[in-house]
Amino acid sequence: MPLKDIFCQEKAVASLEQAYDSGKVAHAYIFAGPDGVGKFTTAKEFAKLLLCKNPVKRGNFTDSCGTCESCRAFEAGSHPDFEHVYKELIEFTEDGKDKDPPIDFPIDVVREFVIEKVSQRPALSTRRVFVLTETEKLNDNSQNCLLKVLEEPPSYCCIILVCTRPDKLLPTIRSRCQILRFGPIAEDKIIEKLHQPGLSEKQAKFLARFADGCLGLACTYSQLELAEANLYQTKTDLVDALADFEYKDALELAENLQKKSKELAAIWTKLAPATSKTDINRKATKTVLQIIICALHDAMLTNIAVRDAIVNFDQPEQIKKIAKRFDAEQAAQKIADCFKTLHWLESSVNERLIFEQLLLNLAETDKITYIL
């Protein structure tokens, strides 16, 4: 994909183009934004341009030629001057054989795939490019190790940190990088990409809204749906349950949600076998929790007469029931409580306890207005 064809990230791409054309490419970048909005794709295409031997002008864009020796090596995944560095490379470090995929971005990966390689001069191109993904998971030791390179980088190096949470990076890291922001993608553009055999119009529209502007995440949800993960049916059943939810239902519903989360994680693991199982379990649990958050958010919007943007557009009566139980202020507070629960997930709290606590909190009778 040419750099100019990056989907709906014109501002970020224009900044990179301007830097390249003016000869002011930064030695380090942070590509910041939600998952699945094109950060890694942009990083790869920018790297390909930086390494290209015969860049070409296409209109107002300078882009890689796609035909030189460098471009061919890049497309083949064998360019000696390009390094995609990610935490699962722990398996290929000196002491990492047979280690499980890590949750954090380990220092051994930074040391062996960045620090030890950054001093090697380019073999094919005039630059070396390192793209590190999921850098929000770099722990303090890993970041301090990386900081040594960012403080005194070789002139031929460009390091790109792909990150969903730049606030997780040390201030000293952020201060040494140019930060480019990547925004969400319009719903209609995502729906266009999701139209494929096996996915209904309702499913595509729901997944686009549920992904909240993240094309990559919407595509992942689509793949899960087509792999019979039954994500759409799970959300339909859960919203039905929330519409008639009572305190006595909390523990049974928590058990059902944990079961659904495990089923979703099992299919997700098959689609991404190289990813940490712990990461996938957390993503699956977060996805189920996000369904609850979306239902509450829809209820809040319904109470303030903003109904066009609700995620669960296909279950308006159920959302109205939830809106009758929680006014806008109460729904907002319940959403805040749900996000606190998501923090527990990052702290490895037992999933069953997370679901139970969340649902018991939702059912607290002193904060619910029942319509008789």
Protein backbone atom coordinates (compact mmCIF):
# COMPACT_ATOMS: atom_id res chain seq x y z
CA MET A 1 0.00 0.00 0.00
CA PRO A 2 1.50 3.38 -0.98
CA LEU A 3 1.87 5.88 1.85
CA LYS A 4 -0.66 8.17 0.16
CA ASP A 5 -3.29 5.42 0.36
CA ILE A 6 -3.17 5.07 4.15
CA PHE A 7 -6.81 4.96 5.20
CA CYS A 8 -8.25 8.17 6.74
CA GLN A 9 -5.05 9.43 8.40
CA GLU A 10 -4.28 12.32 6.08
CA LYS A 11 -2.97 14.66 8.79
CA ALA A 12 -0.40 12.23 10.17
CA VAL A 13 0.71 11.16 6.70
CA ALA A 14 1.03 14.80 5.56
CA SER A 15 3.33 15.52 8.52
CA LEU A 16 5.58 12.61 7.55
CA GLU A 17 5.58 13.68 3.91
CA GLN A 18 6.53 17.24 4.84
CA ALA A 19 9.35 16.01 7.07
CA TYR A 20 10.69 13.76 4.31
CA ASP A 21 10.49 16.39 1.57
CA SER A 22 12.18 19.01 3.74
CA GLY A 23 14.95 16.64 4.83
CA LYS A 24 13.89 16.95 8.47
CA VAL A 25 12.94 13.38 9.36
CA ALA A 26 13.09 13.01 13.15
CA HIS A 27 15.37 10.41 14.67
CA ALA A 28 12.46 9.08 16.75
CA TYR A 29 8.66 9.19 16.54
CA ILE A 30 5.75 8.13 18.72
CA PHE A 31 2.74 7.10 16.64
CA ALA A 32 -0.05 7.52 19.19
CA GLY A 33 -3.69 6.54 18.89
CA PRO A 34 -6.24 3.78 19.49
CA ASP A 35 -5.65 0.23 18.36
CA GLY A 36 -6.46 -0.47 14.75
CA VAL A 37 -6.44 3.02 13.23
CA GLY A 38 -3.44 2.48 10.95
CA LYS A 39 -0.42 3.36 13.11
CA PHE A 40 1.60 0.24 12.28
CA THR A 41 0.62 0.29 8.62
CA THR A 42 1.77 3.91 8.39
CA ALA A 43 5.01 3.09 10.23
CA LYS A 44 5.78 0.30 7.76
CA GLU A 45 5.06 2.41 4.69
CA PHE A 46 7.10 5.32 6.04
CA ALA A 47 9.96 2.91 6.75
CA LYS A 48 9.71 1.60 3.21
CA LEU A 49 9.98 5.18 1.89
CA LEU A 50 12.96 5.96 4.11
CA LEU A 51 14.76 2.87 2.84
CA CYS A 52 13.80 3.23 -0.85
CA LYS A 53 16.65 3.82 -3.28
CA ASN A 54 14.54 5.60 -5.93
CA PRO A 55 11.67 7.52 -4.29
CA VAL A 56 9.10 8.80 -6.77
CA LYS A 57 6.82 11.83 -6.78
CA ARG A 58 3.11 10.96 -7.12
CA GLY A 59 1.23 14.25 -7.29
CA ASN A 60 2.01 16.06 -4.05
CA PHE A 61 3.30 12.86 -2.45
CA THR A 62 6.76 11.40 -2.40
CA ASP A 63 6.52 7.64 -2.07
CA SER A 64 8.60 4.50 -2.33
CA CYS A 65 9.06 3.28 -5.89
CA GLY A 66 8.07 -0.31 -5.14
CA THR A 67 10.52 -1.73 -7.68
CA CYS A 68 14.06 -1.07 -6.44
CA GLU A 69 16.13 -3.68 -4.63
CA SER A 70 15.26 -2.14 -1.27
CA CYS A 71 11.50 -2.12 -1.92
CA ARG A 72 11.54 -5.70 -3.15
CA ALA A 73 13.45 -6.83 -0.07
CA PHE A 74 11.05 -4.89 2.16
CA GLU A 75 7.97 -6.48 0.57
CA ALA A 76 9.58 -9.91 0.92
CA GLY A 77 10.08 -9.30 4.64
CA SER A 78 13.85 -9.69 4.34
CA HIS A 79 15.19 -6.12 4.40
CA PRO A 80 18.41 -6.09 6.44
CA ASP A 81 17.88 -2.47 7.53
CA PHE A 82 14.33 -2.82 8.84
CA GLU A 83 13.48 -4.24 12.26
CA HIS A 84 9.97 -4.82 13.55
CA VAL A 85 10.47 -5.26 17.29
CA TYR A 86 7.65 -6.67 19.42
CA LYS A 87 7.45 -8.30 22.84
CA GLU A 88 6.87 -11.85 21.56
CA LEU A 89 10.43 -11.82 20.19
CA ILE A 90 11.44 -12.90 23.69
CA GLU A 91 11.38 -16.45 22.28
CA PHE A 92 14.34 -15.59 20.04
CA THR A 93 16.50 -13.90 22.66
CA GLU A 94 19.53 -15.64 24.13
CA ASP A 95 17.73 -16.78 27.28
CA GLY A 96 14.18 -16.78 25.95
CA LYS A 97 13.79 -20.23 24.45
CA ASP A 98 10.54 -21.95 25.54
CA LYS A 99 9.42 -18.85 27.47
CA ASP A 100 5.72 -18.03 27.28
CA PRO A 101 4.79 -14.85 25.39
CA PRO A 102 5.16 -12.02 27.93
CA ILE A 103 2.62 -9.50 29.14
CA ASP A 104 5.15 -6.66 29.43
CA PHE A 105 7.65 -5.66 26.76
CA PRO A 106 10.81 -7.31 28.18
CA ILE A 107 14.17 -5.60 28.45
CA ASP A 108 15.91 -8.56 26.78
CA VAL A 109 14.01 -7.86 23.55
CA VAL A 110 14.96 -4.16 23.65
CA ARG A 111 18.57 -5.00 24.40
CA GLU A 112 19.05 -7.70 21.75
CA PHE A 113 16.84 -6.37 18.93
CA VAL A 114 17.42 -2.62 19.33
CA ILE A 115 20.47 -1.73 21.42
CA GLU A 116 22.77 -4.38 19.94
CA LYS A 117 21.62 -3.74 16.36
CA VAL A 118 21.36 0.03 16.27
CA SER A 119 25.12 0.47 15.98
CA GLN A 120 25.25 -1.67 12.84
CA ARG A 121 25.51 0.53 9.77
CA PRO A 122 22.96 0.12 6.96
CA ALA A 123 23.64 -2.84 4.67
CA LEU A 124 21.35 -2.05 1.73
CA SER A 125 19.92 1.44 2.20
CA THR A 126 21.20 4.70 3.65
CA ARG A 127 19.11 4.37 6.82
CA ARG A 128 18.10 1.80 9.42
CA VAL A 129 14.52 1.84 10.70
CA PHE A 130 13.23 0.25 13.90
CA VAL A 131 9.47 -0.02 14.50
CA LEU A 132 8.50 -1.06 18.03
CA THR A 133 4.85 -2.04 18.56
CA GLU A 134 2.80 -2.11 21.79
CA THR A 135 5.31 0.22 23.42
CA GLU A 136 2.76 1.16 26.08
CA LYS A 137 3.74 -2.22 27.56
CA LEU A 138 7.41 -1.29 27.98
CA ASN A 139 8.24 -1.54 31.67
CA ASP A 140 10.53 1.00 33.38
CA ASN A 141 13.65 -1.11 32.87
CA SER A 142 12.89 -1.56 29.17
CA GLN A 143 12.22 2.15 28.75
CA ASN A 144 15.41 3.16 30.52
CA CYS A 145 17.33 0.78 28.29
CA LEU A 146 15.71 2.27 25.19
CA LEU A 147 16.41 5.78 26.45
CA LYS A 148 20.14 5.25 25.93
CA VAL A 149 19.55 4.98 22.17
CA LEU A 150 17.11 7.89 22.03
CA GLU A 151 19.58 10.19 23.79
CA GLU A 152 22.40 9.64 21.28
CA PRO A 153 20.99 7.93 18.17
CA PRO A 154 23.19 7.24 15.14
CA SER A 155 22.48 9.70 12.34
CA TYR A 156 21.30 6.92 10.04
CA CYS A 157 18.64 5.54 12.45
CA CYS A 158 14.93 6.26 12.69
CA ILE A 159 13.03 4.67 15.60
CA ILE A 160 9.22 4.58 15.59
CA LEU A 161 7.32 3.70 18.77
CA VAL A 162 3.76 2.56 18.03
CA CYS A 163 1.69 3.25 21.12
CA THR A 164 -1.93 3.38 22.30
CA ARG A 165 -1.10 5.10 25.60
CA PRO A 166 1.77 7.61 25.31
CA ASP A 167 1.10 8.58 28.93
CA LYS A 168 2.51 5.16 29.87
CA LEU A 169 5.90 6.19 28.48
CA LEU A 170 8.42 8.01 30.63
CA PRO A 171 8.51 11.81 30.14
CA THR A 172 12.15 11.45 29.11
CA ILE A 173 11.09 9.07 26.31
CA ARG A 174 8.30 11.37 25.11
CA SER A 175 10.55 14.42 25.17
CA ARG A 176 13.01 12.78 22.77
CA CYS A 177 10.41 11.76 20.20
CA GLN A 178 8.15 13.62 17.83
CA ILE A 179 4.57 12.59 18.62
CA LEU A 180 2.09 12.04 15.78
CA ARG A 181 -1.57 11.57 16.69
CA PHE A 182 -3.77 9.11 14.82
CA GLY A 183 -7.52 9.68 15.11
CA PRO A 184 -10.55 7.38 14.84
CA ILE A 185 -11.95 6.44 11.43
CA ALA A 186 -15.45 7.40 10.29
CA GLU A 187 -18.15 4.78 10.79
CA ASP A 188 -19.21 4.68 7.13
CA LYS A 189 -15.62 4.02 6.03
CA ILE A 190 -15.34 1.11 8.45
CA ILE A 191 -18.67 -0.35 7.31
CA GLU A 192 -17.42 -0.23 3.71
CA LYS A 193 -14.41 -2.33 4.71
CA LEU A 194 -16.53 -4.81 6.68
CA HIS A 195 -18.95 -5.67 3.89
CA GLN A 196 -18.10 -9.26 3.03
CA PRO A 197 -19.93 -12.58 2.59
CA GLY A 198 -21.20 -13.98 5.86
CA LEU A 199 -21.58 -10.64 7.66
CA SER A 200 -25.02 -9.03 7.71
CA GLU A 201 -25.63 -5.29 7.43
CA LYS A 202 -26.71 -5.17 11.07
CA GLN A 203 -23.60 -7.00 12.20
CA ALA A 204 -21.32 -4.73 10.16
CA LYS A 205 -22.97 -1.58 11.54
CA PHE A 206 -22.80 -2.84 15.11
CA LEU A 207 -19.14 -3.90 14.83
CA ALA A 208 -18.22 -0.53 13.28
CA ARG A 209 -19.82 1.37 16.17
CA PHE A 210 -18.57 -1.07 18.79
CA ALA A 211 -14.98 -0.61 17.52
CA ASP A 212 -15.36 3.15 18.09
CA GLY A 213 -13.48 4.30 15.02
CA CYS A 214 -10.79 1.61 15.06
CA LEU A 215 -10.74 -0.13 11.69
CA GLY A 216 -8.26 -2.83 12.71
CA LEU A 217 -10.31 -3.69 15.79
CA ALA A 218 -13.51 -3.80 13.72
CA CYS A 219 -11.79 -6.16 11.26
CA THR A 220 -10.69 -8.37 14.16
CA TYR A 221 -14.26 -8.49 15.46
CA SER A 222 -15.40 -9.35 11.94
CA GLN A 223 -12.90 -12.22 11.74
CA LEU A 224 -14.08 -13.50 15.12
CA GLU A 225 -17.68 -13.33 13.98
CA LEU A 226 -16.93 -15.24 10.79
CA ALA A 227 -14.99 -17.80 12.88
CA GLU A 228 -18.23 -18.45 14.78
CA ALA A 229 -17.26 -16.65 17.98
CA ASN A 230 -20.88 -15.40 18.06
CA LEU A 231 -19.87 -11.96 19.30
CA TYR A 232 -23.01 -10.33 17.88
CA GLN A 233 -25.28 -12.92 19.49
CA THR A 234 -23.40 -12.55 22.79
CA LYS A 235 -23.99 -8.81 22.82
CA THR A 236 -27.67 -9.30 21.87
CA ASP A 237 -28.19 -11.74 24.73
CA LEU A 238 -26.28 -9.57 27.19
CA VAL A 239 -28.23 -6.40 26.36
CA ASP A 240 -31.46 -8.42 26.73
CA ALA A 241 -30.26 -9.58 30.14
CA LEU A 242 -29.28 -6.07 31.27
CA ALA A 243 -32.70 -4.71 30.29
CA ASP A 244 -34.39 -6.98 32.85
CA PHE A 245 -31.47 -7.29 35.25
CA GLU A 246 -32.13 -7.79 38.97
CA TYR A 247 -29.85 -8.27 41.95
CA LYS A 248 -30.64 -11.98 42.19
CA ASP A 249 -29.36 -12.49 38.61
CA ALA A 250 -25.88 -11.09 39.25
CA LEU A 251 -23.92 -14.22 40.14
CA GLU A 252 -25.49 -16.41 37.46
CA LEU A 253 -24.94 -13.75 34.79
CA ALA A 254 -21.33 -13.32 35.96
CA GLU A 255 -20.77 -17.05 35.48
CA ASN A 256 -22.29 -16.90 31.99
CA LEU A 257 -20.13 -13.92 31.04
CA GLN A 258 -16.98 -15.66 32.21
CA LYS A 259 -17.93 -18.66 30.08
CA LYS A 260 -18.55 -16.45 27.03
CA SER A 261 -15.25 -14.68 27.61
CA LYS A 262 -13.37 -17.99 27.63
CA GLU A 263 -15.11 -19.17 24.45
CA LEU A 264 -14.23 -15.89 22.74
CA ALA A 265 -10.61 -16.14 23.92
CA ALA A 266 -10.30 -19.70 22.60
CA ILE A 267 -11.30 -18.66 19.07
CA TRP A 268 -9.21 -15.49 19.28
CA THR A 269 -6.18 -17.61 20.17
CA LYS A 270 -6.64 -19.68 17.01
CA LEU A 271 -6.69 -16.48 14.92
CA ALA A 272 -3.58 -15.08 16.65
CA PRO A 273 -1.52 -18.07 17.83
CA ALA A 274 1.69 -16.04 18.30
CA THR A 275 0.08 -13.60 20.73
CA SER A 276 0.32 -14.01 24.49
CA LYS A 277 -2.62 -16.05 25.79
CA THR A 278 -2.78 -13.74 28.79
CA ASP A 279 -3.14 -10.78 26.44
CA ILE A 280 -5.90 -12.51 24.50
CA ASN A 281 -7.76 -13.54 27.66
CA ARG A 282 -7.67 -9.92 28.79
CA LYS A 283 -8.85 -8.69 25.39
CA ALA A 284 -11.74 -11.16 25.41
CA THR A 285 -12.79 -10.14 28.92
CA LYS A 286 -12.43 -6.47 28.03
CA THR A 287 -14.62 -7.02 24.95
CA VAL A 288 -17.42 -8.47 27.09
CA LEU A 289 -17.07 -5.65 29.62
CA GLN A 290 -17.16 -3.16 26.75
CA ILE A 291 -20.57 -4.48 25.71
CA ILE A 292 -21.89 -3.52 29.15
CA ILE A 293 -20.24 -0.10 28.93
CA CYS A 294 -21.79 0.50 25.50
CA ALA A 295 -25.26 -0.42 26.77
CA LEU A 296 -24.92 2.04 29.66
CA HIS A 297 -23.57 4.71 27.33
CA ASP A 298 -26.51 4.15 24.99
CA ALA A 299 -28.86 4.54 27.97
CA MET A 300 -27.17 7.81 28.93
CA LEU A 301 -27.53 9.13 25.37
CA THR A 302 -31.16 8.05 25.29
CA ASN A 303 -31.86 10.03 28.46
CA ILE A 304 -30.49 13.19 26.90
CA ALA A 305 -32.33 12.55 23.60
CA VAL A 306 -29.22 11.75 21.53
CA ARG A 307 -30.28 8.47 19.94
CA ASP A 308 -28.67 8.54 16.50
CA ALA A 309 -25.25 7.47 17.77
CA ILE A 310 -26.20 4.55 20.01
CA VAL A 311 -24.17 1.39 19.46
CA ASN A 312 -27.08 -0.97 20.10
CA PHE A 313 -29.31 0.62 17.45
CA ASP A 314 -30.91 -2.80 16.82
CA GLN A 315 -32.20 -3.13 20.41
CA PRO A 316 -33.90 0.22 21.09
CA GLU A 317 -36.55 -1.16 23.48
CA GLN A 318 -33.95 -2.84 25.69
CA ILE A 319 -31.88 0.35 25.81
CA LYS A 320 -35.02 2.33 26.78
CA LYS A 321 -35.56 -0.09 29.68
CA ILE A 322 -32.00 0.44 30.90
CA ALA A 323 -32.47 4.21 30.48
CA LYS A 324 -35.55 4.08 32.74
CA ARG A 325 -33.53 2.38 35.45
CA PHE A 326 -30.59 4.78 35.27
CA ASP A 327 -30.91 8.49 34.57
CA ALA A 328 -28.08 10.18 32.64
CA GLU A 329 -26.08 11.00 35.78
CA GLN A 330 -26.46 7.50 37.24
CA ALA A 331 -25.49 5.90 33.92
CA ALA A 332 -22.38 8.09 33.75
CA GLN A 333 -21.39 6.99 37.26
CA LYS A 334 -21.93 3.32 36.39
CA ILE A 335 -19.74 3.77 33.29
CA ALA A 336 -17.01 5.27 35.48
CA ASP A 337 -17.30 2.24 37.79
CA CYS A 338 -16.95 -0.07 34.79
CA PHE A 339 -13.72 1.64 33.74
CA LYS A 340 -12.36 1.15 37.25
CA THR A 341 -13.12 -2.54 36.79
CA LEU A 342 -11.08 -2.52 33.57
CA HIS A 343 -8.09 -1.36 35.61
CA TRP A 344 -8.51 -4.46 37.78
CA LEU A 345 -8.21 -6.53 34.63
CA GLU A 346 -4.75 -5.04 34.00
CA SER A 347 -3.82 -5.98 37.57
CA SER A 348 -4.61 -9.68 36.94
CA VAL A 349 -7.65 -9.82 39.23
CA ASN A 350 -9.65 -13.04 38.75
CA GLU A 351 -12.11 -12.64 35.85
CA ARG A 352 -15.03 -14.19 37.74
CA LEU A 353 -14.56 -11.68 40.58
CA ILE A 354 -14.43 -8.83 38.06
CA PHE A 355 -17.75 -9.81 36.50
CA GLU A 356 -19.38 -10.42 39.87
CA GLN A 357 -18.26 -7.09 41.31
CA LEU A 358 -19.34 -5.18 38.21
CA LEU A 359 -22.79 -6.77 38.08
CA LEU A 360 -23.40 -6.50 41.82
CA ASN A 361 -22.48 -2.83 41.56
CA LEU A 362 -24.91 -2.37 38.69
CA ALA A 363 -27.65 -3.95 40.80
CA GLU A 364 -27.19 -1.76 43.89
CA THR A 365 -30.78 -0.89 44.69
CA ASP A 366 -30.02 2.49 46.28
CA LYS A 367 -28.74 3.75 42.94
CA ILE A 368 -31.48 2.37 40.71
CA THR A 369 -34.80 4.03 40.02
CA TYR A 370 -37.36 1.32 39.34
CA ILE A 371 -40.33 2.12 37.16
CA LEU A 372 -43.41 0.32 38.58
